[in-house]
Amino acid sequence: MSHLTGYPGPMSEALRPMVKSRLYEQVLERLRAHVIEAGLSAGDRLPAERDLAASLGVSRASVKQAIVVLEVQGLVEARHGGGTYLVRDTLDVEPVEQLVERRKRLPEVLEAREALETKLAELAAERRTDAELETIRAALDFMRDEIADGDNGVEGDRRFHAAVTAAAHSSLLAEFMKTIAEQITESRTESLRQPGRPSRSLAQHTAIYEAIAAGDAKKAAAAMRKHVRTVAKVRLLTWVPED
């Protein structure tokens, strides 16, 4: 028996409790539409927060909350000297609920990555073959080319970490990495959309490669630990979702 008097069947998903739309989520949708209608693209400046608040008839706080969500997703950046600028040609905003869930998952994923990948880098320095070292270097070159073409280097990053894992010759650690592959992809994407992060990650990858090439296990582990801790520095984890 349902909670509706006299209705014997189960409630459908469509009749789940209503969730009131947050005002700043409505602002996000208006901003997305504005970018399309005004023909804005990467590098263009959004209207000032006070102007947006006046035009939309909402508080500056609601506009600020919306801008912060866009920053968290790497869609806009606030520049020194004032102004918020588009990073991409569109504002395809991820639902806030998905952001909140990822924010909850990310710390544990990053802890696991640090534990696993630090050891993998250490073992790779001790066990890698010349062919495996070449594969790691090729991944570096691929990521460098991606970044030069204006991309974030996600595929090159994936190839690099996969090559280091293979070079460690630890089937059990590799299996552990495989079980959290989806979460690792999520953390990779989150990290590489931070402003300036792709080139910084490439530089850190190079330091890891050089330590592995030199057979310096301690240095390789330290370089990987530093890298994964940089990966953990994302805007999402400093964001406090508004009710």
Protein backbone atom coordinates (compact mmCIF):
# COMPACT_ATOMS: atom_id res chain seq x y z
CA MET A 1 0.00 0.00 0.00
CA SER A 2 1.40 3.39 -0.93
CA HIS A 3 1.31 6.45 1.29
CA LEU A 4 -1.43 7.86 -0.97
CA THR A 5 -4.76 7.01 0.64
CA GLY A 6 -6.62 4.35 -1.31
CA TYR A 7 -3.83 3.79 -3.88
CA PRO A 8 -2.66 0.13 -3.71
CA GLY A 9 0.31 0.18 -6.08
CA PRO A 10 3.96 1.23 -5.63
CA MET A 11 5.01 4.80 -6.38
CA SER A 12 6.81 5.34 -9.69
CA GLU A 13 10.10 7.18 -10.03
CA ALA A 14 8.20 10.07 -11.62
CA LEU A 15 6.40 10.67 -8.32
CA ARG A 16 9.54 10.95 -6.21
CA PRO A 17 9.70 14.00 -3.88
CA MET A 18 10.09 17.28 -5.73
CA VAL A 19 13.41 19.09 -5.43
CA LYS A 20 13.28 22.85 -5.56
CA SER A 21 15.61 24.25 -8.18
CA ARG A 22 18.37 26.38 -6.69
CA LEU A 23 18.36 29.95 -7.96
CA TYR A 24 22.00 29.81 -9.05
CA GLU A 25 21.23 26.75 -11.18
CA GLN A 26 18.69 28.87 -13.05
CA VAL A 27 21.41 31.51 -13.47
CA LEU A 28 23.70 28.83 -14.93
CA GLU A 29 21.11 27.95 -17.55
CA ARG A 30 20.63 31.63 -18.46
CA LEU A 31 24.39 32.09 -18.83
CA ARG A 32 24.63 29.02 -21.05
CA ALA A 33 21.89 30.42 -23.27
CA HIS A 34 23.52 33.87 -23.31
CA VAL A 35 26.83 32.48 -24.57
CA ILE A 36 25.00 30.81 -27.46
CA GLU A 37 22.77 33.76 -28.32
CA ALA A 38 25.58 36.33 -28.09
CA GLY A 39 27.94 34.14 -30.13
CA LEU A 40 30.63 34.18 -27.44
CA SER A 41 33.63 31.85 -27.60
CA ALA A 42 36.79 30.97 -25.68
CA GLY A 43 38.61 34.10 -24.52
CA ASP A 44 35.51 36.29 -24.48
CA ARG A 45 34.49 38.07 -21.32
CA LEU A 46 31.20 37.52 -19.52
CA PRO A 47 29.25 40.54 -18.27
CA ALA A 48 30.22 41.79 -14.80
CA GLU A 49 28.50 40.10 -11.86
CA ARG A 50 26.64 43.27 -10.90
CA ASP A 51 25.31 43.68 -14.45
CA LEU A 52 24.23 40.04 -14.59
CA ALA A 53 22.47 40.39 -11.24
CA ALA A 54 20.61 43.49 -12.43
CA SER A 55 19.64 41.95 -15.78
CA LEU A 56 18.44 38.68 -14.25
CA GLY A 57 16.75 40.26 -11.25
CA VAL A 58 18.69 38.16 -8.74
CA SER A 59 21.23 38.86 -6.02
CA ARG A 60 24.95 39.13 -6.75
CA ALA A 61 25.37 36.17 -4.37
CA SER A 62 23.35 33.95 -6.71
CA VAL A 63 25.42 35.10 -9.68
CA LYS A 64 28.64 34.50 -7.75
CA GLN A 65 27.53 30.97 -6.86
CA ALA A 66 26.87 30.26 -10.53
CA ILE A 67 30.26 31.65 -11.58
CA VAL A 68 32.01 29.51 -8.97
CA VAL A 69 30.33 26.37 -10.35
CA LEU A 70 31.58 27.32 -13.82
CA GLU A 71 35.09 27.83 -12.42
CA VAL A 72 34.99 24.45 -10.68
CA GLN A 73 34.19 22.83 -14.02
CA GLY A 74 36.97 24.68 -15.81
CA LEU A 75 34.52 26.46 -18.10
CA VAL A 76 35.51 30.00 -17.09
CA GLU A 77 38.44 31.64 -15.35
CA ALA A 78 38.67 34.78 -13.27
CA ARG A 79 41.67 36.84 -14.38
CA HIS A 80 43.78 39.23 -12.38
CA GLY A 81 42.60 42.75 -12.96
CA GLY A 82 38.98 41.71 -13.02
CA GLY A 83 36.62 39.90 -15.31
CA THR A 84 35.45 36.37 -15.93
CA TYR A 85 36.42 34.83 -19.26
CA LEU A 86 35.27 31.78 -21.18
CA VAL A 87 37.75 28.92 -21.36
CA ARG A 88 35.68 27.03 -23.91
CA ASP A 89 33.25 27.96 -26.66
CA THR A 90 30.20 26.77 -24.73
CA LEU A 91 28.99 26.51 -21.15
CA ASP A 92 27.91 22.87 -21.17
CA VAL A 93 27.40 22.71 -17.44
CA GLU A 94 27.52 19.40 -15.58
CA PRO A 95 24.57 18.93 -13.20
CA VAL A 96 25.42 20.20 -9.72
CA GLU A 97 24.39 16.88 -8.16
CA GLN A 98 27.06 15.08 -10.20
CA LEU A 99 29.66 17.61 -9.07
CA VAL A 100 28.70 17.02 -5.44
CA GLU A 101 29.00 13.25 -5.81
CA ARG A 102 32.40 13.51 -7.50
CA ARG A 103 33.58 15.86 -4.79
CA LYS A 104 32.76 13.13 -2.25
CA ARG A 105 34.58 10.40 -4.21
CA LEU A 106 37.70 12.25 -5.25
CA PRO A 107 39.72 12.32 -1.97
CA GLU A 108 39.68 8.53 -1.60
CA VAL A 109 40.59 8.03 -5.25
CA LEU A 110 43.56 10.36 -4.88
CA GLU A 111 44.71 8.57 -1.72
CA ALA A 112 44.63 5.27 -3.59
CA ARG A 113 46.48 6.74 -6.56
CA GLU A 114 49.26 8.07 -4.37
CA ALA A 115 49.72 4.74 -2.61
CA LEU A 116 49.67 2.65 -5.78
CA GLU A 117 51.43 4.88 -8.30
CA THR A 118 54.27 5.89 -6.01
CA LYS A 119 55.20 2.21 -5.63
CA LEU A 120 54.69 1.57 -9.33
CA ALA A 121 57.14 4.35 -10.24
CA GLU A 122 59.68 2.95 -7.78
CA LEU A 123 59.38 -0.54 -9.26
CA ALA A 124 59.50 0.80 -12.83
CA ALA A 125 62.86 2.43 -12.08
CA GLU A 126 64.16 -0.96 -10.93
CA ARG A 127 62.56 -3.26 -13.49
CA ARG A 128 61.87 -1.38 -16.74
CA THR A 129 63.28 -2.60 -20.04
CA ASP A 130 64.66 -0.32 -22.73
CA ALA A 131 61.53 -0.91 -24.79
CA GLU A 132 59.30 0.04 -21.86
CA LEU A 133 61.31 3.19 -21.24
CA GLU A 134 60.78 4.11 -24.89
CA THR A 135 57.03 3.61 -24.46
CA ILE A 136 57.05 5.99 -21.48
CA ARG A 137 59.00 8.56 -23.50
CA ALA A 138 56.59 8.18 -26.43
CA ALA A 139 53.69 8.93 -24.07
CA LEU A 140 55.48 12.12 -23.00
CA ASP A 141 55.88 13.17 -26.63
CA PHE A 142 52.22 12.43 -27.32
CA MET A 143 51.08 14.56 -24.39
CA ARG A 144 53.41 17.37 -25.44
CA ASP A 145 51.87 17.37 -28.92
CA GLU A 146 48.35 17.36 -27.48
CA ILE A 147 49.09 20.40 -25.34
CA ALA A 148 50.74 22.19 -28.28
CA ASP A 149 47.50 21.63 -30.21
CA GLY A 150 45.51 23.29 -27.45
CA ASP A 151 44.19 20.14 -25.79
CA ASN A 152 44.48 19.23 -22.11
CA GLY A 153 46.66 16.19 -22.73
CA VAL A 154 44.26 13.63 -21.27
CA GLU A 155 45.16 10.79 -23.63
CA GLY A 156 48.91 11.41 -23.27
CA ASP A 157 48.49 11.42 -19.51
CA ARG A 158 46.63 8.10 -19.65
CA ARG A 159 49.33 6.56 -21.84
CA PHE A 160 52.09 7.78 -19.53
CA HIS A 161 50.63 6.30 -16.37
CA ALA A 162 49.74 3.06 -18.17
CA ALA A 163 53.32 2.77 -19.45
CA VAL A 164 54.77 3.30 -15.97
CA THR A 165 52.39 0.65 -14.60
CA ALA A 166 53.45 -1.84 -17.28
CA ALA A 167 57.14 -1.14 -16.64
CA ALA A 168 56.74 -1.97 -12.93
CA HIS A 169 56.06 -5.65 -13.74
CA SER A 170 53.69 -6.07 -10.80
CA SER A 171 50.58 -7.92 -11.92
CA LEU A 172 48.77 -7.43 -8.61
CA LEU A 173 49.36 -3.66 -8.47
CA ALA A 174 48.35 -3.44 -12.12
CA GLU A 175 45.13 -5.27 -11.26
CA PHE A 176 44.44 -2.83 -8.43
CA MET A 177 44.91 0.03 -10.89
CA LYS A 178 42.48 -1.61 -13.29
CA THR A 179 39.77 -1.88 -10.63
CA ILE A 180 39.79 1.91 -10.11
CA ALA A 181 40.44 2.84 -13.75
CA GLU A 182 37.15 4.71 -14.08
CA GLN A 183 37.82 6.77 -10.96
CA ILE A 184 41.38 7.48 -12.12
CA THR A 185 40.01 8.77 -15.43
CA GLU A 186 37.68 11.04 -13.47
CA SER A 187 40.53 12.43 -11.36
CA ARG A 188 42.71 12.88 -14.46
CA THR A 189 40.05 14.88 -16.27
CA GLU A 190 39.37 16.97 -13.18
CA SER A 191 43.06 17.80 -12.73
CA LEU A 192 43.88 18.57 -16.35
CA ARG A 193 41.09 21.11 -16.69
CA GLN A 194 42.65 23.31 -14.01
CA PRO A 195 44.20 26.47 -15.54
CA GLY A 196 47.87 25.87 -16.37
CA ARG A 197 47.77 22.25 -15.19
CA PRO A 198 48.52 20.40 -18.47
CA SER A 199 51.97 21.96 -18.89
CA ARG A 200 52.73 21.49 -15.20
CA SER A 201 51.75 17.82 -15.36
CA LEU A 202 53.91 17.34 -18.44
CA ALA A 203 56.91 18.80 -16.58
CA GLN A 204 56.27 16.46 -13.64
CA HIS A 205 55.92 13.48 -15.98
CA THR A 206 59.30 14.39 -17.44
CA ALA A 207 60.87 14.33 -13.96
CA ILE A 208 59.34 10.90 -13.32
CA TYR A 209 60.61 9.63 -16.67
CA GLU A 210 64.13 10.89 -16.02
CA ALA A 211 64.25 9.17 -12.63
CA ILE A 212 63.00 5.90 -14.13
CA ALA A 213 65.52 6.20 -16.98
CA ALA A 214 68.32 6.70 -14.44
CA GLY A 215 67.18 3.68 -12.42
CA ASP A 216 66.75 5.87 -9.34
CA ALA A 217 63.84 4.21 -7.54
CA LYS A 218 63.78 6.62 -4.61
CA LYS A 219 63.74 9.66 -6.86
CA ALA A 220 61.08 8.14 -9.12
CA ALA A 221 58.82 7.48 -6.15
CA ALA A 222 59.32 11.01 -4.82
CA ALA A 223 58.58 12.52 -8.23
CA MET A 224 55.41 10.48 -8.61
CA ARG A 225 54.25 11.39 -5.10
CA LYS A 226 54.74 15.07 -5.88
CA HIS A 227 52.82 14.65 -9.12
CA VAL A 228 49.82 12.88 -7.60
CA ARG A 229 49.63 15.51 -4.86
CA THR A 230 49.52 18.17 -7.57
CA VAL A 231 46.72 16.21 -9.25
CA ALA A 232 44.86 16.47 -5.93
CA LYS A 233 44.92 20.27 -6.02
CA VAL A 234 41.67 20.92 -7.85
CA ARG A 235 39.12 23.69 -7.51
CA LEU A 236 36.37 21.14 -6.94
CA LEU A 237 37.74 20.13 -3.54
CA THR A 238 37.71 23.74 -2.27
CA TRP A 239 34.15 24.30 -3.46
CA VAL A 240 31.44 24.32 -0.81
CA PRO A 241 28.11 23.47 -2.47
CA GLU A 242 25.31 25.88 -1.63
CA ASP A 243 22.00 24.54 -0.35
